[in-house]
């Protein structure tokens, strides 16, 4: 699902730098990747880079803002999908998270997971961008839980925001352990715990 294709033409060079950088950083990390490698892969001269970004750190902030904007647009589409009830939409979100890991393509959804552990202590602007983006995702999950509570598929006794924060934190942690252990069991357990937390009321 491409939600970036409608960006203005004058942004093409900036978009190419960001898209190329995200792809490379998803595989190798932020600090290990040199600026020259990004520019070479994007076929962009250094002067063009500094026309759009003041520094590599500034590029990192813009990349995260772009990533979270696209992520949240996809999440909005999913959580507004009327072919499912609200609980099914939430479970589909977490099922998709697990499925991406199973196909070894977690980097397409988990750039935040990769960079949170790497840059949070190295760059305050990037840490702040991660915090804002992750909080936005958590609030979207909380709103989806509230919708499920209104329709009756999730108990009204649950605090929607607290459950959303718990779930997102659990899945981020499980994703990190999955990367370390190179096995899917942490995410499989996270899915089971998600089902238990959101079990429909009777």
Protein backbone atom coordinates (compact mmCIF):
# COMPACT_ATOMS: atom_id res chain seq x y z
CA UNK A 1 0.00 0.00 0.00
CA UNK A 2 1.74 3.16 -1.19
CA UNK A 3 0.61 6.25 0.67
CA UNK A 4 3.53 8.42 -0.40
CA UNK A 5 3.05 8.62 -4.15
CA UNK A 6 1.08 11.89 -4.09
CA UNK A 7 3.90 14.06 -2.68
CA UNK A 8 4.59 17.22 -4.71
CA UNK A 9 7.05 16.99 -7.59
CA UNK A 10 9.51 19.43 -6.00
CA UNK A 11 9.87 16.97 -3.14
CA UNK A 12 11.05 14.11 -5.37
CA UNK A 13 14.74 14.50 -4.47
CA UNK A 14 14.01 14.85 -0.78
CA UNK A 15 11.67 11.87 -0.93
CA UNK A 16 14.28 9.76 -2.74
CA UNK A 17 16.87 10.52 -0.07
CA UNK A 18 14.44 9.66 2.71
CA UNK A 19 13.15 6.49 1.07
CA UNK A 20 16.64 5.25 0.24
CA UNK A 21 17.94 6.10 3.69
CA UNK A 22 15.08 4.31 5.41
CA UNK A 23 15.67 1.16 3.36
CA UNK A 24 19.40 1.13 4.13
CA UNK A 25 19.03 2.06 7.79
CA UNK A 26 16.35 -0.61 8.29
CA UNK A 27 18.99 -3.16 7.41
CA UNK A 28 22.16 -1.74 8.93
CA UNK A 29 21.17 0.82 11.52
CA UNK A 30 21.63 4.58 11.72
CA UNK A 31 25.11 5.04 13.19
CA UNK A 32 26.76 2.36 11.07
CA UNK A 33 25.58 3.88 7.81
CA UNK A 34 27.60 6.72 6.35
CA UNK A 35 26.01 9.70 4.66
CA UNK A 36 28.04 9.05 1.51
CA UNK A 37 26.51 5.58 1.22
CA UNK A 38 22.99 6.99 1.38
CA UNK A 39 23.73 9.64 -1.22
CA UNK A 40 25.44 7.16 -3.53
CA UNK A 41 22.51 4.75 -3.35
CA UNK A 42 20.03 7.59 -3.94
CA UNK A 43 22.19 9.04 -6.74
CA UNK A 44 22.05 12.47 -5.12
CA UNK A 45 24.97 14.91 -4.74
CA UNK A 46 25.96 16.10 -1.27
CA UNK A 47 24.86 19.64 -2.08
CA UNK A 48 21.32 18.46 -2.68
CA UNK A 49 21.30 16.68 0.67
CA UNK A 50 22.23 19.83 2.56
CA UNK A 51 19.58 21.76 0.64
CA UNK A 52 16.97 19.66 2.45
CA UNK A 53 18.69 18.64 5.69
CA UNK A 54 21.11 20.52 7.93
CA UNK A 55 22.81 17.36 9.16
CA UNK A 56 22.57 13.59 9.27
CA UNK A 57 20.71 13.96 12.55
CA UNK A 58 18.22 16.32 10.89
CA UNK A 59 17.79 13.74 8.15
CA UNK A 60 17.15 11.10 10.82
CA UNK A 61 14.40 13.21 12.38
CA UNK A 62 12.76 13.80 8.99
CA UNK A 63 13.00 10.09 8.16
CA UNK A 64 11.26 9.15 11.41
CA UNK A 65 8.54 11.76 10.91
CA UNK A 66 7.93 10.40 7.40
CA UNK A 67 7.90 6.82 8.68
CA UNK A 68 5.39 7.51 11.44
CA UNK A 69 3.18 9.60 9.15
CA UNK A 70 2.93 6.76 6.65
CA UNK A 71 2.52 4.16 9.42
CA UNK A 72 -0.32 6.08 11.03
CA UNK A 73 -2.08 6.53 7.70
CA UNK A 74 -2.00 2.78 7.16
CA UNK A 75 -3.24 2.24 10.71
CA UNK A 76 -6.10 4.68 10.14
CA UNK A 77 -7.18 2.78 7.03
CA UNK A 78 -7.10 -0.52 8.92
CA UNK A 79 -8.96 0.78 11.97
CA UNK A 80 -11.66 2.28 9.70
CA UNK A 81 -12.15 -0.95 7.73
CA UNK A 82 -15.88 -1.59 8.07
CA UNK A 83 -15.59 -5.16 6.80
CA UNK A 84 -14.44 -6.09 10.34
CA UNK A 85 -15.63 -5.21 13.80
CA UNK A 86 -13.36 -3.11 16.01
CA UNK A 87 -11.86 -6.05 17.90
CA UNK A 88 -11.07 -7.84 14.63
CA UNK A 89 -9.29 -4.72 13.34
CA UNK A 90 -7.10 -4.60 16.45
CA UNK A 91 -6.25 -8.29 16.24
CA UNK A 92 -5.54 -7.92 12.52
CA UNK A 93 -3.03 -5.17 13.33
CA UNK A 94 -1.10 -7.39 15.72
CA UNK A 95 -1.46 -10.43 13.47
CA UNK A 96 0.06 -8.40 10.63
CA UNK A 97 2.94 -7.39 12.92
CA UNK A 98 3.64 -11.05 13.64
CA UNK A 99 3.21 -12.06 9.98
CA UNK A 100 5.77 -9.48 8.81
CA UNK A 101 8.31 -10.95 11.21
CA UNK A 102 7.54 -14.46 9.96
CA UNK A 103 8.36 -13.39 6.40
CA UNK A 104 11.60 -11.71 7.56
CA UNK A 105 10.26 -8.32 6.51
CA UNK A 106 9.78 -6.80 9.94
CA UNK A 107 11.90 -3.80 8.87
CA UNK A 108 8.97 -2.59 6.80
CA UNK A 109 6.95 -2.02 9.95
CA UNK A 110 9.57 -1.89 12.69
CA UNK A 111 11.99 0.92 11.91
CA UNK A 112 10.94 2.47 15.21
CA UNK A 113 11.83 -0.73 17.06
CA UNK A 114 15.26 -0.84 15.43
CA UNK A 115 16.14 2.80 16.10
CA UNK A 116 14.61 3.11 19.58
CA UNK A 117 17.36 0.97 21.07
CA UNK A 118 20.08 2.57 18.95
CA UNK A 119 19.59 6.34 18.95
CA UNK A 120 17.49 7.17 22.03
CA UNK A 121 20.62 7.93 24.05
CA UNK A 122 22.60 9.39 21.15
CA UNK A 123 20.27 12.00 19.66
CA UNK A 124 17.72 14.02 21.62
CA UNK A 125 15.88 15.24 18.48
CA UNK A 126 15.56 11.69 17.15
CA UNK A 127 14.50 10.42 20.58
CA UNK A 128 11.80 13.09 20.65
CA UNK A 129 10.61 12.12 17.15
CA UNK A 130 10.41 8.48 18.23
CA UNK A 131 8.48 9.44 21.36
CA UNK A 132 5.93 11.52 19.45
CA UNK A 133 5.50 8.85 16.79
CA UNK A 134 5.13 5.97 19.23
CA UNK A 135 2.66 7.97 21.32
CA UNK A 136 0.62 8.59 18.19
CA UNK A 137 0.45 4.87 17.43
CA UNK A 138 -0.51 4.09 21.03
CA UNK A 139 -3.34 6.62 20.90
CA UNK A 140 -4.66 5.11 17.67
CA UNK A 141 -4.70 1.68 19.31
CA UNK A 142 -6.45 3.17 22.34
CA UNK A 143 -9.10 4.74 20.13
CA UNK A 144 -9.64 1.40 18.39
CA UNK A 145 -10.11 -0.20 21.81
CA UNK A 146 -12.65 2.49 22.74
CA UNK A 147 -14.54 1.74 19.52
CA UNK A 148 -14.55 -1.96 20.42
CA UNK A 149 -15.87 -1.08 23.88
CA UNK A 150 -18.69 0.95 22.36
CA UNK A 151 -19.72 -1.93 20.12
CA UNK A 152 -19.40 -4.36 23.02
CA UNK A 153 -16.59 -6.60 21.76
CA UNK A 154 -14.16 -5.47 24.53
CA UNK A 155 -15.06 -4.99 28.19
CA UNK A 156 -15.78 -1.43 29.32
CA UNK A 157 -13.95 -2.21 32.54
CA UNK A 158 -10.60 -1.88 30.75
CA UNK A 159 -8.77 1.45 30.59
CA UNK A 160 -8.27 1.84 26.84
CA UNK A 161 -5.13 3.97 26.97
CA UNK A 162 -3.44 1.84 29.62
CA UNK A 163 -4.17 -1.34 27.67
CA UNK A 164 -2.91 0.27 24.45
CA UNK A 165 0.32 1.35 26.16
CA UNK A 166 0.78 -2.12 27.63
CA UNK A 167 0.16 -3.85 24.32
CA UNK A 168 2.43 -1.60 22.28
CA UNK A 169 5.20 -1.82 24.85
CA UNK A 170 4.89 -5.60 24.95
CA UNK A 171 5.09 -5.88 21.16
CA UNK A 172 8.06 -3.54 20.87
CA UNK A 173 9.87 -5.55 23.55
CA UNK A 174 8.94 -8.85 21.92
CA UNK A 175 10.22 -7.57 18.59
CA UNK A 176 13.59 -6.69 20.13
CA UNK A 177 13.90 -10.13 21.75
CA UNK A 178 12.90 -11.75 18.46
CA UNK A 179 15.75 -9.89 16.74
CA UNK A 180 18.21 -10.99 19.44
CA UNK A 181 17.14 -14.63 19.57
CA UNK A 182 16.24 -14.93 15.88
CA UNK A 183 13.13 -16.87 16.74
CA UNK A 184 9.46 -15.93 16.64
CA UNK A 185 8.43 -17.26 20.04
CA UNK A 186 8.42 -13.81 21.76
CA UNK A 187 5.96 -12.46 19.19
CA UNK A 188 3.86 -15.60 19.34
CA UNK A 189 3.61 -15.21 23.11
CA UNK A 190 2.79 -11.52 22.67
CA UNK A 191 -0.09 -12.47 20.38
CA UNK A 192 -1.45 -14.93 22.96
CA UNK A 193 -1.23 -12.29 25.70
CA UNK A 194 -2.97 -9.80 23.43
CA UNK A 195 -5.84 -12.22 22.94
CA UNK A 196 -6.10 -12.69 26.71
CA UNK A 197 -6.09 -8.95 27.43
CA UNK A 198 -8.71 -8.19 24.78
CA UNK A 199 -10.86 -11.27 25.26
CA UNK A 200 -14.47 -10.37 24.45
CA UNK A 201 -16.71 -9.95 27.47
CA UNK A 202 -19.56 -12.39 27.90
